[in-house]
Amino acid sequence: MKERPHGFRSSLRVWLAEATDTPHDVAEMMLAHVAGTSVERAYRRTDYLDRRRVLLEKWAHHVTSASDTIVSMVAK
């Protein structure tokens, strides 16, 4: 079975939407998506690096923390 990195990326995107109050532009930039119109991007003078760093630390904790829930990842 081939790897599907977009599945992991979509997990991050869903987590950002459901478990955080991350603005859309920041979430999309975390996935290296182009966010906003060309005019909005021309005036945006930030890469949200500090905000992304904090969110990625929270995401790392989320995916590596112990849990009693076991999720089967076996393909059908």
C-alpha atoms as a PDB file:
ATOM      1  CA  MET A   1       0.000   0.000   0.000  1.00  0.00           C
ATOM      2  CA  LYS A   2       1.338   3.442  -0.917  1.00  0.00           C
ATOM      3  CA  GLU A   3       1.792   6.133   1.687  1.00  0.00           C
ATOM      4  CA  ARG A   4      -0.767   8.914   1.681  1.00  0.00           C
ATOM      5  CA  PRO A   5       0.699  11.999   3.372  1.00  0.00           C
ATOM      6  CA  HIS A   6      -2.454  13.989   2.662  1.00  0.00           C
ATOM      7  CA  GLY A   7      -4.342  11.801   5.132  1.00  0.00           C
ATOM      8  CA  PHE A   8      -2.024  12.953   7.899  1.00  0.00           C
ATOM      9  CA  ARG A   9      -2.211  16.550   6.663  1.00  0.00           C
ATOM     10  CA  SER A  10      -6.003  16.410   6.623  1.00  0.00           C
ATOM     11  CA  SER A  11      -5.934  15.127  10.210  1.00  0.00           C
ATOM     12  CA  LEU A  12      -3.975  18.227  11.200  1.00  0.00           C
ATOM     13  CA  ARG A  13      -6.395  20.477   9.310  1.00  0.00           C
ATOM     14  CA  VAL A  14      -9.445  18.926  10.982  1.00  0.00           C
ATOM     15  CA  TRP A  15      -7.792  19.163  14.404  1.00  0.00           C
ATOM     16  CA  LEU A  16      -7.005  22.845  13.820  1.00  0.00           C
ATOM     17  CA  ALA A  17     -10.636  23.507  12.879  1.00  0.00           C
ATOM     18  CA  GLU A  18     -12.261  21.486  15.656  1.00  0.00           C
ATOM     19  CA  ALA A  19      -9.883  21.732  18.606  1.00  0.00           C
ATOM     20  CA  THR A  20      -8.391  25.213  18.253  1.00  0.00           C
ATOM     21  CA  ASP A  21      -9.457  28.737  17.393  1.00  0.00           C
ATOM     22  CA  THR A  22      -6.856  29.028  14.637  1.00  0.00           C
ATOM     23  CA  PRO A  23      -7.729  31.555  11.930  1.00  0.00           C
ATOM     24  CA  HIS A  24      -8.234  30.105   8.451  1.00  0.00           C
ATOM     25  CA  ASP A  25      -5.163  31.821   6.951  1.00  0.00           C
ATOM     26  CA  VAL A  26      -2.866  30.497   9.676  1.00  0.00           C
ATOM     27  CA  ALA A  27      -4.217  26.952   9.314  1.00  0.00           C
ATOM     28  CA  GLU A  28      -3.814  27.003   5.560  1.00  0.00           C
ATOM     29  CA  MET A  29      -0.293  28.393   5.828  1.00  0.00           C
ATOM     30  CA  MET A  30       0.597  25.538   8.201  1.00  0.00           C
ATOM     31  CA  LEU A  31      -0.198  23.182   5.331  1.00  0.00           C
ATOM     32  CA  ALA A  32       1.678  25.388   2.849  1.00  0.00           C
ATOM     33  CA  HIS A  33      -1.544  26.235   1.050  1.00  0.00           C
ATOM     34  CA  VAL A  34      -2.006  29.554  -0.677  1.00  0.00           C
ATOM     35  CA  ALA A  35      -4.504  31.514   1.398  1.00  0.00           C
ATOM     36  CA  GLY A  36      -6.408  34.590   0.315  1.00  0.00           C
ATOM     37  CA  THR A  37      -6.576  36.495  -2.920  1.00  0.00           C
ATOM     38  CA  SER A  38      -3.481  37.807  -4.688  1.00  0.00           C
ATOM     39  CA  VAL A  39      -4.212  41.274  -3.259  1.00  0.00           C
ATOM     40  CA  GLU A  40      -4.541  39.913   0.306  1.00  0.00           C
ATOM     41  CA  ARG A  41      -1.281  37.996  -0.093  1.00  0.00           C
ATOM     42  CA  ALA A  42       0.497  41.086  -1.446  1.00  0.00           C
ATOM     43  CA  TYR A  43      -0.353  43.044   1.709  1.00  0.00           C
ATOM     44  CA  ARG A  44       0.189  40.234   4.219  1.00  0.00           C
ATOM     45  CA  ARG A  45       3.628  40.809   5.713  1.00  0.00           C
ATOM     46  CA  THR A  46       3.799  37.802   8.011  1.00  0.00           C
ATOM     47  CA  ASP A  47       4.362  34.086   7.819  1.00  0.00           C
ATOM     48  CA  TYR A  48       2.692  33.540  11.228  1.00  0.00           C
ATOM     49  CA  LEU A  49       5.832  31.701  12.313  1.00  0.00           C
ATOM     50  CA  ASP A  50       5.375  32.245  16.066  1.00  0.00           C
ATOM     51  CA  ARG A  51       1.718  31.177  15.952  1.00  0.00           C
ATOM     52  CA  ARG A  52       2.533  28.157  13.797  1.00  0.00           C
ATOM     53  CA  ARG A  53       5.314  27.103  16.178  1.00  0.00           C
ATOM     54  CA  VAL A  54       2.916  27.102  19.155  1.00  0.00           C
ATOM     55  CA  LEU A  55       0.269  25.185  17.210  1.00  0.00           C
ATOM     56  CA  LEU A  56       2.760  22.583  16.008  1.00  0.00           C
ATOM     57  CA  GLU A  57       3.933  22.018  19.573  1.00  0.00           C
ATOM     58  CA  LYS A  58       0.297  21.453  20.609  1.00  0.00           C
ATOM     59  CA  TRP A  59      -0.232  19.144  17.615  1.00  0.00           C
ATOM     60  CA  ALA A  60       2.890  17.142  18.542  1.00  0.00           C
ATOM     61  CA  HIS A  61       1.578  16.736  22.069  1.00  0.00           C
ATOM     62  CA  HIS A  62      -1.840  15.703  20.728  1.00  0.00           C
ATOM     63  CA  VAL A  63      -0.488  12.975  18.452  1.00  0.00           C
ATOM     64  CA  THR A  64       2.097  11.627  20.894  1.00  0.00           C
ATOM     65  CA  SER A  65       0.143  11.710  24.149  1.00  0.00           C
ATOM     66  CA  ALA A  66      -0.974   8.450  25.684  1.00  0.00           C
ATOM     67  CA  SER A  67      -4.583   7.455  25.244  1.00  0.00           C
ATOM     68  CA  ASP A  68      -6.803   4.574  26.271  1.00  0.00           C
ATOM     69  CA  THR A  69      -8.398   4.624  22.836  1.00  0.00           C
ATOM     70  CA  ILE A  70      -6.948   2.284  20.214  1.00  0.00           C
ATOM     71  CA  VAL A  71      -7.717   3.117  16.618  1.00  0.00           C
ATOM     72  CA  SER A  72      -7.276   0.372  14.036  1.00  0.00           C
ATOM     73  CA  MET A  73      -5.448   1.570  10.936  1.00  0.00           C
ATOM     74  CA  VAL A  74      -5.770  -1.662   8.958  1.00  0.00           C
ATOM     75  CA  ALA A  75      -6.890  -1.226   5.334  1.00  0.00           C
ATOM     76  CA  LYS A  76      -9.995  -3.153   4.328  1.00  0.00           C
END
